[in-house]
Amino acid sequence: MEGASRLPVSWVFDVLSPFAYLALPRLAELPAGIELRVVPVLLAGLLDQFGQRGPAEIPSKRRFTYRFVLWRARQLGLPLRMPPAHPFNPLGALRLVIAAGSDLRAARTVLQAVWRDGRDLTDPAALAELAGELGVGDPLRALADPAVKQRLRENTQWACARGVFGVPTLLAGAELFWGHDAFDMALEYLARPQAFADAQMQALETLPVGASRVAAK
């Protein structure tokens, strides 16, 4: 079986996620010839769709997540500076990525502004400055454009329809690879999809559910 490098590949992310920033450098490792689709989505929409709570909504998980992100960034040699507050409202920053073309340059510029430089992109002045760096004229008008808002909604609906439950997620065809730490798995799948088609892997698709969590009465 040939490699899966001709599959459509999409990178689904929210600027709210520090793990999207950690994953950025690894996108350069995708096989040559792949046309990567960059898909900004609203993480809150994914969480609502699948009935999840975000990591920052559980105090002990929030503390661990931030400590892990800083540790991991240091391990990877990536500069990291937390934004002034987190979680924050990412709508303006996500719309800016879309207004700037929804390409890797736009995603990288905005993610680095938040997680490398610690900029507050809920501040209209900071957002306008970043829009200038991306060549987006009249940022107030661009970010209020109904077409830009609709694209973000459609992106999020598109991701939900494909089972994307978190960010960042790399989609290779119909296969999901969630999190910056699943990137090696995605690379192997693109190079050797047959490694994911053996009997043991296939058995996972029909593994019975032994118990279901129900609300306490």
N, C-alpha and C. Protein backbone atom coordinates (compact mmCIF):
# COMPACT_ATOMS: atom_id res chain seq x y z
N MET A 1 0.85 -1.20 0.00
CA MET A 1 0.00 0.00 0.00
C MET A 1 0.88 1.24 0.00
N GLU A 2 0.54 2.17 -0.84
CA GLU A 2 1.33 3.38 -0.93
C GLU A 2 1.06 4.27 0.28
N GLY A 3 1.95 5.28 0.47
CA GLY A 3 1.76 6.25 1.53
C GLY A 3 0.49 7.04 1.32
N ALA A 4 0.07 7.71 2.39
CA ALA A 4 -1.18 8.47 2.35
C ALA A 4 -0.92 9.95 2.13
N SER A 5 0.24 10.29 1.57
CA SER A 5 0.62 11.69 1.47
C SER A 5 -0.25 12.48 0.51
N ARG A 6 -1.09 11.80 -0.29
CA ARG A 6 -1.97 12.52 -1.19
C ARG A 6 -3.34 12.80 -0.58
N LEU A 7 -3.56 12.33 0.63
CA LEU A 7 -4.81 12.62 1.30
C LEU A 7 -4.93 14.11 1.59
N PRO A 8 -6.16 14.62 1.60
CA PRO A 8 -6.33 16.01 2.04
C PRO A 8 -5.95 16.11 3.52
N VAL A 9 -5.13 17.08 3.86
CA VAL A 9 -4.66 17.25 5.23
C VAL A 9 -5.07 18.63 5.72
N SER A 10 -5.72 18.66 6.88
CA SER A 10 -6.18 19.92 7.47
C SER A 10 -5.65 20.02 8.89
N TRP A 11 -5.27 21.24 9.27
CA TRP A 11 -4.82 21.50 10.64
C TRP A 11 -5.86 22.37 11.31
N VAL A 12 -6.54 21.82 12.31
CA VAL A 12 -7.63 22.50 12.99
C VAL A 12 -7.10 23.04 14.31
N PHE A 13 -7.31 24.32 14.57
CA PHE A 13 -6.72 24.93 15.77
C PHE A 13 -7.56 26.11 16.24
N ASP A 14 -7.33 26.47 17.49
CA ASP A 14 -7.86 27.70 18.07
C ASP A 14 -6.67 28.43 18.68
N VAL A 15 -6.59 29.74 18.50
CA VAL A 15 -5.47 30.51 19.07
C VAL A 15 -5.49 30.46 20.59
N LEU A 16 -6.60 30.05 21.17
CA LEU A 16 -6.72 29.91 22.61
C LEU A 16 -5.81 28.80 23.15
N SER A 17 -5.44 27.86 22.31
CA SER A 17 -4.71 26.68 22.74
C SER A 17 -3.20 26.88 22.67
N PRO A 18 -2.49 26.77 23.80
CA PRO A 18 -1.03 26.84 23.74
C PRO A 18 -0.44 25.65 23.00
N PHE A 19 -1.17 24.55 22.95
CA PHE A 19 -0.66 23.37 22.27
C PHE A 19 -0.62 23.58 20.76
N ALA A 20 -1.47 24.46 20.24
CA ALA A 20 -1.37 24.82 18.83
C ALA A 20 -0.04 25.53 18.56
N TYR A 21 0.34 26.40 19.47
CA TYR A 21 1.64 27.08 19.34
C TYR A 21 2.79 26.08 19.41
N LEU A 22 2.70 25.13 20.33
CA LEU A 22 3.75 24.12 20.45
C LEU A 22 3.85 23.25 19.20
N ALA A 23 2.72 23.05 18.53
CA ALA A 23 2.70 22.19 17.33
C ALA A 23 3.21 22.90 16.08
N LEU A 24 3.21 24.22 16.09
CA LEU A 24 3.55 24.97 14.88
C LEU A 24 4.84 24.51 14.19
N PRO A 25 5.96 24.41 14.90
CA PRO A 25 7.21 24.06 14.20
C PRO A 25 7.16 22.71 13.50
N ARG A 26 6.35 21.79 14.00
CA ARG A 26 6.33 20.45 13.45
C ARG A 26 5.57 20.37 12.12
N LEU A 27 4.77 21.38 11.82
CA LEU A 27 4.05 21.36 10.55
C LEU A 27 5.02 21.34 9.37
N ALA A 28 6.23 21.86 9.58
CA ALA A 28 7.24 21.85 8.52
C ALA A 28 7.71 20.44 8.20
N GLU A 29 7.40 19.46 9.07
CA GLU A 29 7.84 18.08 8.85
C GLU A 29 6.86 17.28 8.00
N LEU A 30 5.74 17.87 7.62
CA LEU A 30 4.80 17.15 6.77
C LEU A 30 5.46 16.80 5.44
N PRO A 31 5.11 15.66 4.86
CA PRO A 31 5.75 15.24 3.61
C PRO A 31 5.62 16.28 2.50
N ALA A 32 6.63 16.33 1.67
CA ALA A 32 6.61 17.26 0.53
C ALA A 32 5.41 16.95 -0.36
N GLY A 33 4.83 17.99 -0.88
CA GLY A 33 3.71 17.83 -1.79
C GLY A 33 2.35 17.95 -1.14
N ILE A 34 2.31 17.90 0.20
CA ILE A 34 1.03 18.04 0.88
C ILE A 34 0.58 19.49 0.87
N GLU A 35 -0.66 19.71 0.50
CA GLU A 35 -1.25 21.04 0.59
C GLU A 35 -2.05 21.09 1.89
N LEU A 36 -1.51 21.82 2.84
CA LEU A 36 -2.12 21.87 4.17
C LEU A 36 -3.21 22.93 4.21
N ARG A 37 -4.38 22.51 4.63
CA ARG A 37 -5.49 23.45 4.84
C ARG A 37 -5.48 23.87 6.30
N VAL A 38 -5.43 25.17 6.53
CA VAL A 38 -5.41 25.72 7.88
C VAL A 38 -6.84 26.11 8.26
N VAL A 39 -7.33 25.53 9.37
CA VAL A 39 -8.74 25.68 9.72
C VAL A 39 -8.89 26.24 11.14
N PRO A 40 -9.01 27.56 11.29
CA PRO A 40 -9.29 28.12 12.61
C PRO A 40 -10.71 27.82 13.03
N VAL A 41 -10.87 27.36 14.27
CA VAL A 41 -12.19 27.02 14.81
C VAL A 41 -12.32 27.60 16.21
N LEU A 42 -13.55 27.60 16.70
CA LEU A 42 -13.82 28.04 18.07
C LEU A 42 -13.85 26.79 18.96
N LEU A 43 -12.86 26.65 19.83
CA LEU A 43 -12.79 25.48 20.70
C LEU A 43 -14.06 25.32 21.52
N ALA A 44 -14.62 26.43 21.97
CA ALA A 44 -15.85 26.35 22.77
C ALA A 44 -16.95 25.64 22.01
N GLY A 45 -17.01 25.83 20.71
CA GLY A 45 -18.01 25.14 19.90
C GLY A 45 -17.79 23.64 19.88
N LEU A 46 -16.53 23.21 19.82
CA LEU A 46 -16.24 21.77 19.86
C LEU A 46 -16.59 21.19 21.23
N LEU A 47 -16.25 21.91 22.29
CA LEU A 47 -16.55 21.42 23.64
C LEU A 47 -18.05 21.29 23.84
N ASP A 48 -18.80 22.28 23.36
CA ASP A 48 -20.26 22.21 23.49
C ASP A 48 -20.83 21.03 22.71
N GLN A 49 -20.29 20.81 21.51
CA GLN A 49 -20.80 19.75 20.65
C GLN A 49 -20.66 18.38 21.31
N PHE A 50 -19.54 18.17 21.99
CA PHE A 50 -19.27 16.84 22.55
C PHE A 50 -19.43 16.78 24.07
N GLY A 51 -20.02 17.83 24.66
CA GLY A 51 -20.31 17.81 26.08
C GLY A 51 -19.09 17.75 26.97
N GLN A 52 -18.05 18.50 26.61
CA GLN A 52 -16.81 18.47 27.36
C GLN A 52 -16.60 19.78 28.13
N ARG A 53 -15.73 19.70 29.14
CA ARG A 53 -15.25 20.90 29.81
C ARG A 53 -13.82 21.15 29.34
N GLY A 54 -13.47 22.42 29.20
CA GLY A 54 -12.11 22.76 28.82
C GLY A 54 -11.14 22.55 29.96
N PRO A 55 -9.85 22.34 29.66
CA PRO A 55 -8.86 22.14 30.73
C PRO A 55 -8.84 23.28 31.74
N ALA A 56 -9.06 24.50 31.29
CA ALA A 56 -8.99 25.64 32.19
C ALA A 56 -10.23 25.77 33.07
N GLU A 57 -11.22 24.92 32.84
CA GLU A 57 -12.45 24.98 33.63
C GLU A 57 -12.39 24.07 34.86
N ILE A 58 -11.30 23.32 34.99
CA ILE A 58 -11.08 22.44 36.14
C ILE A 58 -9.83 22.95 36.84
N PRO A 59 -9.94 23.55 38.02
CA PRO A 59 -8.81 24.24 38.64
C PRO A 59 -7.51 23.45 38.69
N SER A 60 -7.55 22.20 39.13
CA SER A 60 -6.32 21.43 39.22
C SER A 60 -5.74 21.12 37.84
N LYS A 61 -6.63 20.90 36.86
CA LYS A 61 -6.16 20.63 35.49
C LYS A 61 -5.61 21.90 34.86
N ARG A 62 -6.21 23.03 35.20
CA ARG A 62 -5.72 24.32 34.69
C ARG A 62 -4.28 24.55 35.15
N ARG A 63 -4.03 24.36 36.44
CA ARG A 63 -2.68 24.55 36.97
C ARG A 63 -1.70 23.60 36.30
N PHE A 64 -2.07 22.32 36.21
CA PHE A 64 -1.18 21.36 35.58
C PHE A 64 -0.91 21.72 34.12
N THR A 65 -1.96 22.10 33.40
CA THR A 65 -1.82 22.40 31.97
C THR A 65 -0.83 23.54 31.74
N TYR A 66 -0.97 24.61 32.50
CA TYR A 66 -0.07 25.74 32.32
C TYR A 66 1.37 25.36 32.66
N ARG A 67 1.55 24.60 33.74
CA ARG A 67 2.90 24.17 34.11
C ARG A 67 3.49 23.24 33.05
N PHE A 68 2.65 22.34 32.53
CA PHE A 68 3.13 21.43 31.49
C PHE A 68 3.50 22.18 30.22
N VAL A 69 2.67 23.14 29.84
CA VAL A 69 2.95 23.92 28.63
C VAL A 69 4.28 24.65 28.75
N LEU A 70 4.53 25.28 29.89
CA LEU A 70 5.80 25.98 30.08
C LEU A 70 6.97 25.00 30.08
N TRP A 71 6.80 23.87 30.78
CA TRP A 71 7.86 22.86 30.79
C TRP A 71 8.13 22.35 29.39
N ARG A 72 7.06 22.07 28.65
CA ARG A 72 7.22 21.52 27.30
C ARG A 72 7.88 22.53 26.36
N ALA A 73 7.50 23.79 26.47
CA ALA A 73 8.11 24.83 25.63
C ALA A 73 9.60 24.92 25.92
N ARG A 74 9.97 24.87 27.18
CA ARG A 74 11.40 24.90 27.54
C ARG A 74 12.11 23.69 26.97
N GLN A 75 11.47 22.52 27.05
CA GLN A 75 12.07 21.30 26.52
C GLN A 75 12.30 21.40 25.02
N LEU A 76 11.35 22.04 24.32
CA LEU A 76 11.44 22.17 22.87
C LEU A 76 12.29 23.36 22.43
N GLY A 77 12.71 24.18 23.38
CA GLY A 77 13.48 25.37 23.04
C GLY A 77 12.66 26.47 22.42
N LEU A 78 11.36 26.50 22.74
CA LEU A 78 10.47 27.52 22.20
C LEU A 78 10.23 28.60 23.25
N PRO A 79 10.40 29.87 22.89
CA PRO A 79 10.07 30.92 23.84
C PRO A 79 8.57 30.93 24.12
N LEU A 80 8.19 31.11 25.36
CA LEU A 80 6.77 31.13 25.70
C LEU A 80 6.53 32.18 26.78
N ARG A 81 5.53 32.99 26.52
CA ARG A 81 5.10 34.00 27.48
C ARG A 81 3.58 33.96 27.53
N MET A 82 3.03 33.67 28.67
CA MET A 82 1.58 33.57 28.80
C MET A 82 0.91 34.92 28.50
N PRO A 83 -0.27 34.90 27.88
CA PRO A 83 -1.02 36.14 27.70
C PRO A 83 -1.47 36.68 29.06
N PRO A 84 -1.92 37.92 29.13
CA PRO A 84 -2.29 38.51 30.42
C PRO A 84 -3.36 37.75 31.17
N ALA A 85 -4.25 37.09 30.47
CA ALA A 85 -5.30 36.30 31.10
C ALA A 85 -5.63 35.12 30.20
N HIS A 86 -6.03 34.03 30.82
CA HIS A 86 -6.40 32.83 30.07
C HIS A 86 -7.35 31.99 30.91
N PRO A 87 -8.43 31.50 30.32
CA PRO A 87 -8.86 31.67 28.94
C PRO A 87 -9.24 33.13 28.64
N PHE A 88 -9.21 33.45 27.36
CA PHE A 88 -9.64 34.77 26.89
C PHE A 88 -10.59 34.56 25.72
N ASN A 89 -11.25 35.61 25.33
CA ASN A 89 -12.16 35.53 24.18
C ASN A 89 -11.34 35.56 22.89
N PRO A 90 -11.30 34.45 22.13
CA PRO A 90 -10.44 34.39 20.96
C PRO A 90 -11.09 34.83 19.66
N LEU A 91 -12.34 35.29 19.72
CA LEU A 91 -13.07 35.54 18.47
C LEU A 91 -12.35 36.52 17.55
N GLY A 92 -11.89 37.65 18.09
CA GLY A 92 -11.23 38.63 17.25
C GLY A 92 -9.98 38.07 16.60
N ALA A 93 -9.17 37.33 17.37
CA ALA A 93 -7.94 36.76 16.83
C ALA A 93 -8.23 35.70 15.77
N LEU A 94 -9.25 34.88 15.99
CA LEU A 94 -9.62 33.87 15.00
C LEU A 94 -10.12 34.52 13.71
N ARG A 95 -10.95 35.55 13.85
CA ARG A 95 -11.43 36.26 12.67
C ARG A 95 -10.30 36.93 11.92
N LEU A 96 -9.27 37.38 12.65
CA LEU A 96 -8.13 37.99 11.99
C LEU A 96 -7.39 36.96 11.14
N VAL A 97 -7.22 35.75 11.65
CA VAL A 97 -6.59 34.70 10.85
C VAL A 97 -7.36 34.49 9.55
N ILE A 98 -8.67 34.48 9.64
CA ILE A 98 -9.51 34.27 8.45
C ILE A 98 -9.41 35.46 7.51
N ALA A 99 -9.49 36.66 8.06
CA ALA A 99 -9.41 37.87 7.22
C ALA A 99 -8.06 37.97 6.52
N ALA A 100 -7.02 37.40 7.15
CA ALA A 100 -5.67 37.46 6.56
C ALA A 100 -5.41 36.31 5.60
N GLY A 101 -6.42 35.47 5.36
CA GLY A 101 -6.28 34.44 4.34
C GLY A 101 -6.32 33.01 4.83
N SER A 102 -6.44 32.79 6.13
CA SER A 102 -6.49 31.43 6.68
C SER A 102 -5.34 30.57 6.18
N ASP A 103 -4.16 31.15 6.10
CA ASP A 103 -3.00 30.36 5.69
C ASP A 103 -2.06 30.19 6.88
N LEU A 104 -0.98 29.46 6.64
CA LEU A 104 -0.08 29.13 7.74
C LEU A 104 0.62 30.39 8.26
N ARG A 105 0.89 31.32 7.39
CA ARG A 105 1.53 32.57 7.83
C ARG A 105 0.64 33.31 8.81
N ALA A 106 -0.64 33.40 8.48
CA ALA A 106 -1.58 34.11 9.36
C ALA A 106 -1.71 33.39 10.70
N ALA A 107 -1.82 32.07 10.66
CA ALA A 107 -1.93 31.29 11.90
C ALA A 107 -0.68 31.46 12.75
N ARG A 108 0.47 31.36 12.12
CA ARG A 108 1.73 31.48 12.86
C ARG A 108 1.87 32.87 13.49
N THR A 109 1.54 33.90 12.73
CA THR A 109 1.69 35.26 13.23
C THR A 109 0.81 35.50 14.45
N VAL A 110 -0.42 35.03 14.40
CA VAL A 110 -1.34 35.25 15.51
C VAL A 110 -0.98 34.38 16.71
N LEU A 111 -0.66 33.12 16.48
CA LEU A 111 -0.29 32.24 17.59
C LEU A 111 0.98 32.72 18.28
N GLN A 112 1.94 33.18 17.51
CA GLN A 112 3.17 33.68 18.12
C GLN A 112 2.92 34.97 18.89
N ALA A 113 2.01 35.79 18.41
CA ALA A 113 1.68 37.01 19.13
C ALA A 113 1.13 36.69 20.51
N VAL A 114 0.28 35.66 20.58
CA VAL A 114 -0.34 35.29 21.86
C VAL A 114 0.64 34.57 22.77
N TRP A 115 1.32 33.53 22.24
CA TRP A 115 2.06 32.59 23.09
C TRP A 115 3.56 32.82 23.13
N ARG A 116 4.11 33.45 22.14
CA ARG A 116 5.54 33.79 22.20
C ARG A 116 5.74 35.15 22.83
N ASP A 117 4.85 36.10 22.42
CA ASP A 117 5.03 37.48 22.86
C ASP A 117 4.11 37.87 24.01
N GLY A 118 3.10 37.03 24.30
CA GLY A 118 2.21 37.34 25.41
C GLY A 118 1.31 38.55 25.18
N ARG A 119 0.95 38.80 23.93
CA ARG A 119 0.13 39.98 23.63
C ARG A 119 -1.34 39.70 23.93
N ASP A 120 -2.02 40.74 24.32
CA ASP A 120 -3.45 40.66 24.67
C ASP A 120 -4.27 40.96 23.43
N LEU A 121 -4.74 39.92 22.75
CA LEU A 121 -5.47 40.14 21.51
C LEU A 121 -6.97 40.34 21.75
N THR A 122 -7.35 40.53 23.00
CA THR A 122 -8.70 41.05 23.26
C THR A 122 -8.69 42.57 23.28
N ASP A 123 -7.51 43.15 23.24
CA ASP A 123 -7.35 44.61 23.18
C ASP A 123 -7.45 45.06 21.72
N PRO A 124 -8.44 45.89 21.38
CA PRO A 124 -8.61 46.30 19.98
C PRO A 124 -7.35 46.94 19.40
N ALA A 125 -6.60 47.68 20.21
CA ALA A 125 -5.39 48.32 19.70
C ALA A 125 -4.34 47.27 19.33
N ALA A 126 -4.18 46.24 20.18
CA ALA A 126 -3.22 45.18 19.89
C ALA A 126 -3.65 44.39 18.66
N LEU A 127 -4.94 44.17 18.54
CA LEU A 127 -5.47 43.44 17.39
C LEU A 127 -5.27 44.24 16.10
N ALA A 128 -5.48 45.55 16.17
CA ALA A 128 -5.29 46.41 15.01
C ALA A 128 -3.82 46.43 14.59
N GLU A 129 -2.93 46.45 15.57
CA GLU A 129 -1.49 46.44 15.27
C GLU A 129 -1.11 45.15 14.56
N LEU A 130 -1.62 44.05 15.04
CA LEU A 130 -1.32 42.76 14.42
C LEU A 130 -1.94 42.66 13.03
N ALA A 131 -3.13 43.23 12.87
CA ALA A 131 -3.75 43.26 11.54
C ALA A 131 -2.86 43.99 10.55
N GLY A 132 -2.24 45.09 11.00
CA GLY A 132 -1.32 45.81 10.14
C GLY A 132 -0.14 44.95 9.73
N GLU A 133 0.39 44.15 10.66
CA GLU A 133 1.50 43.26 10.35
C GLU A 133 1.11 42.23 9.29
N LEU A 134 -0.17 41.87 9.28
CA LEU A 134 -0.66 40.87 8.33
C LEU A 134 -1.20 41.48 7.05
N GLY A 135 -1.17 42.79 6.95
CA GLY A 135 -1.65 43.45 5.75
C GLY A 135 -3.16 43.53 5.65
N VAL A 136 -3.84 43.45 6.78
CA VAL A 136 -5.30 43.57 6.79
C VAL A 136 -5.66 45.02 7.06
N GLY A 137 -6.13 45.71 6.03
CA GLY A 137 -6.52 47.10 6.20
C GLY A 137 -7.89 47.23 6.84
N ASP A 138 -8.09 48.33 7.55
CA ASP A 138 -9.36 48.59 8.23
C ASP A 138 -9.80 47.37 9.03
N PRO A 139 -9.04 47.03 10.08
CA PRO A 139 -9.33 45.80 10.82
C PRO A 139 -10.71 45.77 11.46
N LEU A 140 -11.23 46.91 11.90
CA LEU A 140 -12.56 46.90 12.50
C LEU A 140 -13.60 46.40 11.50
N ARG A 141 -13.48 46.88 10.29
CA ARG A 141 -14.42 46.46 9.25
C ARG A 141 -14.18 44.99 8.87
N ALA A 142 -12.91 44.63 8.76
CA ALA A 142 -12.58 43.25 8.35
C ALA A 142 -13.09 42.24 9.36
N LEU A 143 -12.92 42.53 10.65
CA LEU A 143 -13.30 41.56 11.68
C LEU A 143 -14.80 41.53 11.91
N ALA A 144 -15.49 42.60 11.46
CA ALA A 144 -16.94 42.63 11.58
C ALA A 144 -17.63 42.13 10.32
N ASP A 145 -16.86 41.76 9.31
CA ASP A 145 -17.40 41.30 8.04
C ASP A 145 -18.25 40.04 8.26
N PRO A 146 -19.51 40.05 7.88
CA PRO A 146 -20.36 38.87 8.06
C PRO A 146 -19.78 37.61 7.42
N ALA A 147 -19.08 37.78 6.30
CA ALA A 147 -18.50 36.61 5.63
C ALA A 147 -17.39 35.98 6.47
N VAL A 148 -16.62 36.81 7.16
CA VAL A 148 -15.55 36.31 8.03
C VAL A 148 -16.16 35.57 9.21
N LYS A 149 -17.19 36.16 9.82
CA LYS A 149 -17.86 35.51 10.95
C LYS A 149 -18.49 34.18 10.53
N GLN A 150 -19.08 34.19 9.34
CA GLN A 150 -19.71 32.96 8.86
C GLN A 150 -18.68 31.87 8.58
N ARG A 151 -17.53 32.26 8.07
CA ARG A 151 -16.49 31.26 7.81
C ARG A 151 -16.05 30.59 9.10
N LEU A 152 -15.92 31.35 10.17
CA LEU A 152 -15.54 30.75 11.44
C LEU A 152 -16.60 29.77 11.93
N ARG A 153 -17.86 30.15 11.79
CA ARG A 153 -18.94 29.24 12.17
C ARG A 153 -18.90 27.97 11.32
N GLU A 154 -18.72 28.15 10.01
CA GLU A 154 -18.68 26.99 9.11
C GLU A 154 -17.49 26.09 9.40
N ASN A 155 -16.33 26.70 9.69
CA ASN A 155 -15.15 25.91 10.05
C ASN A 155 -15.43 25.04 11.27
N THR A 156 -16.05 25.64 12.28
CA THR A 156 -16.32 24.91 13.51
C THR A 156 -17.34 23.80 13.27
N GLN A 157 -18.36 24.08 12.48
CA GLN A 157 -19.35 23.05 12.14
C GLN A 157 -18.71 21.93 11.33
N TRP A 158 -17.85 22.29 10.41
CA TRP A 158 -17.14 21.31 9.58
C TRP A 158 -16.31 20.38 10.45
N ALA A 159 -15.60 20.97 11.42
CA ALA A 159 -14.77 20.16 12.31
C ALA A 159 -15.63 19.24 13.17
N CYS A 160 -16.71 19.77 13.72
CA CYS A 160 -17.61 18.94 14.55
C CYS A 160 -18.16 17.77 13.74
N ALA A 161 -18.53 18.02 12.49
CA ALA A 161 -19.10 16.97 11.66
C ALA A 161 -18.11 15.85 11.38
N ARG A 162 -16.82 16.14 11.52
CA ARG A 162 -15.79 15.13 11.29
C ARG A 162 -15.26 14.54 12.59
N GLY A 163 -15.92 14.87 13.68
CA GLY A 163 -15.55 14.27 14.96
C GLY A 163 -14.41 14.94 15.68
N VAL A 164 -13.99 16.11 15.21
CA VAL A 164 -12.89 16.82 15.88
C VAL A 164 -13.38 17.30 17.24
N PHE A 165 -12.74 16.82 18.30
CA PHE A 165 -13.21 17.11 19.66
C PHE A 165 -12.28 18.04 20.43
N GLY A 166 -11.12 18.34 19.87
CA GLY A 166 -10.17 19.20 20.56
C GLY A 166 -9.18 19.80 19.58
N VAL A 167 -8.33 20.69 20.10
CA VAL A 167 -7.35 21.36 19.26
C VAL A 167 -5.98 21.33 19.94
N PRO A 168 -4.93 21.31 19.10
CA PRO A 168 -4.95 21.22 17.65
C PRO A 168 -5.21 19.77 17.21
N THR A 169 -5.82 19.62 16.07
CA THR A 169 -6.04 18.31 15.48
C THR A 169 -5.60 18.34 14.02
N LEU A 170 -4.84 17.34 13.63
CA LEU A 170 -4.45 17.17 12.24
C LEU A 170 -5.37 16.12 11.63
N LEU A 171 -6.05 16.48 10.56
CA LEU A 171 -6.91 15.54 9.84
C LEU A 171 -6.20 15.08 8.58
N ALA A 172 -6.01 13.77 8.47
CA ALA A 172 -5.46 13.18 7.25
C ALA A 172 -6.55 12.30 6.67
N GLY A 173 -7.23 12.79 5.64
CA GLY A 173 -8.41 12.10 5.18
C GLY A 173 -9.45 12.14 6.28
N ALA A 174 -9.90 10.95 6.74
CA ALA A 174 -10.89 10.88 7.81
C ALA A 174 -10.24 10.59 9.17
N GLU A 175 -8.92 10.45 9.22
CA GLU A 175 -8.23 10.11 10.46
C GLU A 175 -7.88 11.37 11.25
N LEU A 176 -8.13 11.31 12.57
CA LEU A 176 -7.86 12.42 13.47
C LEU A 176 -6.60 12.15 14.28
N PHE A 177 -5.75 13.17 14.40
CA PHE A 177 -4.57 13.09 15.23
C PHE A 177 -4.58 14.33 16.13
N TRP A 178 -4.99 14.10 17.38
CA TRP A 178 -5.25 15.20 18.29
C TRP A 178 -4.05 15.49 19.18
N GLY A 179 -3.73 16.76 19.27
CA GLY A 179 -2.69 17.20 20.19
C GLY A 179 -1.32 17.30 19.54
N HIS A 180 -0.48 18.17 20.08
CA HIS A 180 0.85 18.33 19.51
C HIS A 180 1.68 17.07 19.67
N ASP A 181 1.35 16.25 20.68
CA ASP A 181 2.13 15.05 20.94
C ASP A 181 1.71 13.87 20.07
N ALA A 182 0.70 14.03 19.22
CA ALA A 182 0.30 12.97 18.29
C ALA A 182 0.89 13.18 16.90
N PHE A 183 1.80 14.14 16.79
CA PHE A 183 2.31 14.48 15.45
C PHE A 183 3.14 13.35 14.85
N ASP A 184 3.91 12.66 15.67
CA ASP A 184 4.69 11.54 15.14
C ASP A 184 3.77 10.44 14.61
N MET A 185 2.66 10.23 15.29
CA MET A 185 1.67 9.25 14.84
C MET A 185 1.12 9.66 13.48
N ALA A 186 0.82 10.94 13.32
CA ALA A 186 0.30 11.44 12.04
C ALA A 186 1.33 11.27 10.92
N LEU A 187 2.59 11.56 11.22
CA LEU A 187 3.62 11.41 10.20
C LEU A 187 3.76 9.96 9.77
N GLU A 188 3.68 9.05 10.74
CA GLU A 188 3.78 7.62 10.38
C GLU A 188 2.58 7.20 9.55
N TYR A 189 1.41 7.70 9.91
CA TYR A 189 0.22 7.35 9.12
C TYR A 189 0.35 7.83 7.68
N LEU A 190 0.85 9.04 7.51
CA LEU A 190 1.01 9.58 6.16
C LEU A 190 2.04 8.80 5.36
N ALA A 191 3.05 8.29 6.04
CA ALA A 191 4.10 7.53 5.36
C ALA A 191 3.72 6.06 5.17
N ARG A 192 3.05 5.47 6.19
CA ARG A 192 2.75 4.04 6.16
C ARG A 192 1.35 3.78 6.72
N PRO A 193 0.32 4.12 5.98
CA PRO A 193 -1.04 3.91 6.50
C PRO A 193 -1.35 2.45 6.78
N GLN A 194 -0.64 1.54 6.13
CA GLN A 194 -0.89 0.13 6.35
C GLN A 194 -0.55 -0.29 7.78
N ALA A 195 0.29 0.48 8.46
CA ALA A 195 0.63 0.17 9.85
C ALA A 195 -0.57 0.35 10.78
N PHE A 196 -1.60 1.01 10.29
CA PHE A 196 -2.79 1.27 11.10
C PHE A 196 -3.98 0.42 10.64
N ALA A 197 -3.68 -0.60 9.83
CA ALA A 197 -4.75 -1.43 9.29
C ALA A 197 -4.63 -2.89 9.70
N ASP A 198 -3.76 -3.19 10.68
CA ASP A 198 -3.62 -4.59 11.09
C ASP A 198 -4.79 -5.01 11.96
N ALA A 199 -4.83 -6.28 12.30
CA ALA A 199 -5.99 -6.83 13.03
C ALA A 199 -6.15 -6.19 14.39
N GLN A 200 -5.04 -5.92 15.07
CA GLN A 200 -5.13 -5.34 16.41
C GLN A 200 -5.71 -3.93 16.37
N MET A 201 -5.28 -3.13 15.38
CA MET A 201 -5.84 -1.79 15.21
C MET A 201 -7.33 -1.87 14.86
N GLN A 202 -7.67 -2.78 13.95
CA GLN A 202 -9.07 -2.89 13.51
C GLN A 202 -9.98 -3.33 14.65
N ALA A 203 -9.45 -4.14 15.56
CA ALA A 203 -10.26 -4.62 16.68
C ALA A 203 -10.68 -3.48 17.60
N LEU A 204 -9.90 -2.42 17.62
CA LEU A 204 -10.24 -1.28 18.48
C LEU A 204 -11.55 -0.62 18.05
N GLU A 205 -11.90 -0.77 16.77
CA GLU A 205 -13.10 -0.14 16.25
C GLU A 205 -14.37 -0.75 16.85
N THR A 206 -14.30 -1.99 17.28
CA THR A 206 -15.49 -2.69 17.78
C THR A 206 -15.33 -3.14 19.24
N LEU A 207 -14.39 -2.55 19.95
CA LEU A 207 -14.20 -2.89 21.35
C LEU A 207 -15.47 -2.56 22.13
N PRO A 208 -16.04 -3.53 22.84
CA PRO A 208 -17.30 -3.25 23.56
C PRO A 208 -17.12 -2.24 24.68
N VAL A 209 -18.17 -1.52 24.96
CA VAL A 209 -18.22 -0.63 26.12
C VAL A 209 -18.66 -1.45 27.32
N GLY A 210 -17.83 -1.48 28.37
CA GLY A 210 -18.15 -2.30 29.53
C GLY A 210 -19.02 -1.61 30.55
N ALA A 211 -18.96 -0.28 30.60
CA ALA A 211 -19.78 0.48 31.56
C ALA A 211 -19.89 1.90 31.06
N SER A 212 -20.99 2.54 31.34
CA SER A 212 -21.21 3.93 30.94
C SER A 212 -21.36 4.78 32.18
N ARG A 213 -20.77 5.97 32.15
CA ARG A 213 -20.89 6.89 33.28
C ARG A 213 -22.26 7.54 33.25
N VAL A 214 -22.93 7.51 34.36
CA VAL A 214 -24.25 8.15 34.46
C VAL A 214 -24.22 9.13 35.60
N ALA A 215 -25.10 10.12 35.55
CA ALA A 215 -25.16 11.10 36.61
C ALA A 215 -25.62 10.45 37.90
N ALA A 216 -24.99 10.82 39.00
CA ALA A 216 -25.36 10.27 40.29
C ALA A 216 -26.75 10.73 40.68
N LYS A 217 -27.52 9.82 41.28
CA LYS A 217 -28.88 10.16 41.70
C LYS A 217 -28.91 10.48 43.20
